[in-house]
Amino acid sequence: IGPNELRGTKIEGGQEHQITKGEVIIIPNGVSHQFTAVNGELHYFVCKPTALAETHLTTR
């Protein structure tokens, strides 16, 4: 858990969206979210820039 991040067991009053295979979603910083009713495998990629100077990709 990073600075200013929270963990909880549920979100009250949220919106539910059904996501299907191949879809990509972007969750902006500071937006509460959770995965529920997952059928089968769930694969996801997380990118959390922690400072403005770190918001670009670099190659090594």
Protein backbone atom coordinates (compact mmCIF):
# COMPACT_ATOMS: atom_id res chain seq x y z
CA ILE A 1 0.00 0.00 0.00
CA GLY A 2 1.44 3.34 -1.04
CA PRO A 3 1.11 6.70 0.65
CA ASN A 4 -2.47 8.07 0.52
CA GLU A 5 -3.88 4.67 -0.56
CA LEU A 6 -6.71 3.01 1.32
CA ARG A 7 -7.92 -0.58 1.62
CA GLY A 8 -11.47 -1.61 2.43
CA THR A 9 -13.97 -4.42 2.07
CA LYS A 10 -16.66 -2.72 -0.02
CA ILE A 11 -17.68 0.47 -1.81
CA GLU A 12 -21.09 1.93 -0.96
CA GLY A 13 -23.00 3.81 -3.65
CA GLY A 14 -20.59 2.90 -6.44
CA GLN A 15 -21.32 2.05 -10.07
CA GLU A 16 -21.00 -1.46 -11.45
CA HIS A 17 -19.50 -2.14 -14.89
CA GLN A 18 -19.19 -5.50 -16.61
CA ILE A 19 -15.82 -5.86 -18.31
CA THR A 20 -15.24 -8.57 -20.91
CA LYS A 21 -12.16 -10.22 -22.36
CA GLY A 22 -9.96 -7.84 -24.32
CA GLU A 23 -11.31 -4.64 -22.80
CA VAL A 24 -9.00 -2.07 -21.24
CA ILE A 25 -10.07 0.24 -18.45
CA ILE A 26 -8.26 3.23 -17.01
CA ILE A 27 -8.91 4.11 -13.38
CA PRO A 28 -7.71 7.63 -12.55
CA ASN A 29 -5.63 8.28 -9.46
CA GLY A 30 -7.74 8.65 -6.35
CA VAL A 31 -10.80 6.78 -7.70
CA SER A 32 -11.99 3.98 -5.43
CA HIS A 33 -12.46 0.69 -7.27
CA GLN A 34 -12.73 -3.05 -6.76
CA PHE A 35 -13.18 -6.27 -8.73
CA THR A 36 -16.25 -8.37 -7.90
CA ALA A 37 -18.02 -11.34 -9.49
CA VAL A 38 -14.91 -12.43 -11.39
CA ASN A 39 -15.59 -15.55 -13.46
CA GLY A 40 -12.41 -17.37 -14.45
CA GLU A 41 -8.97 -15.77 -14.54
CA LEU A 42 -8.31 -12.06 -14.14
CA HIS A 43 -5.08 -10.64 -15.56
CA TYR A 44 -4.30 -6.98 -15.06
CA PHE A 45 -1.47 -4.49 -15.47
CA VAL A 46 -0.96 -1.73 -12.93
CA CYS A 47 0.95 1.49 -13.56
CA LYS A 48 1.15 3.86 -10.59
CA PRO A 49 3.29 6.93 -11.24
CA THR A 50 4.23 8.37 -7.87
CA ALA A 51 5.45 11.81 -8.93
CA LEU A 52 4.99 14.10 -11.91
CA ALA A 53 8.59 13.49 -13.02
CA GLU A 54 7.90 9.73 -13.18
CA THR A 55 4.92 9.84 -15.56
CA HIS A 56 6.93 8.92 -18.68
CA LEU A 57 8.22 5.57 -19.87
CA THR A 58 11.90 5.00 -20.48
CA THR A 59 13.89 2.26 -22.16
CA ARG A 60 16.97 0.65 -20.70
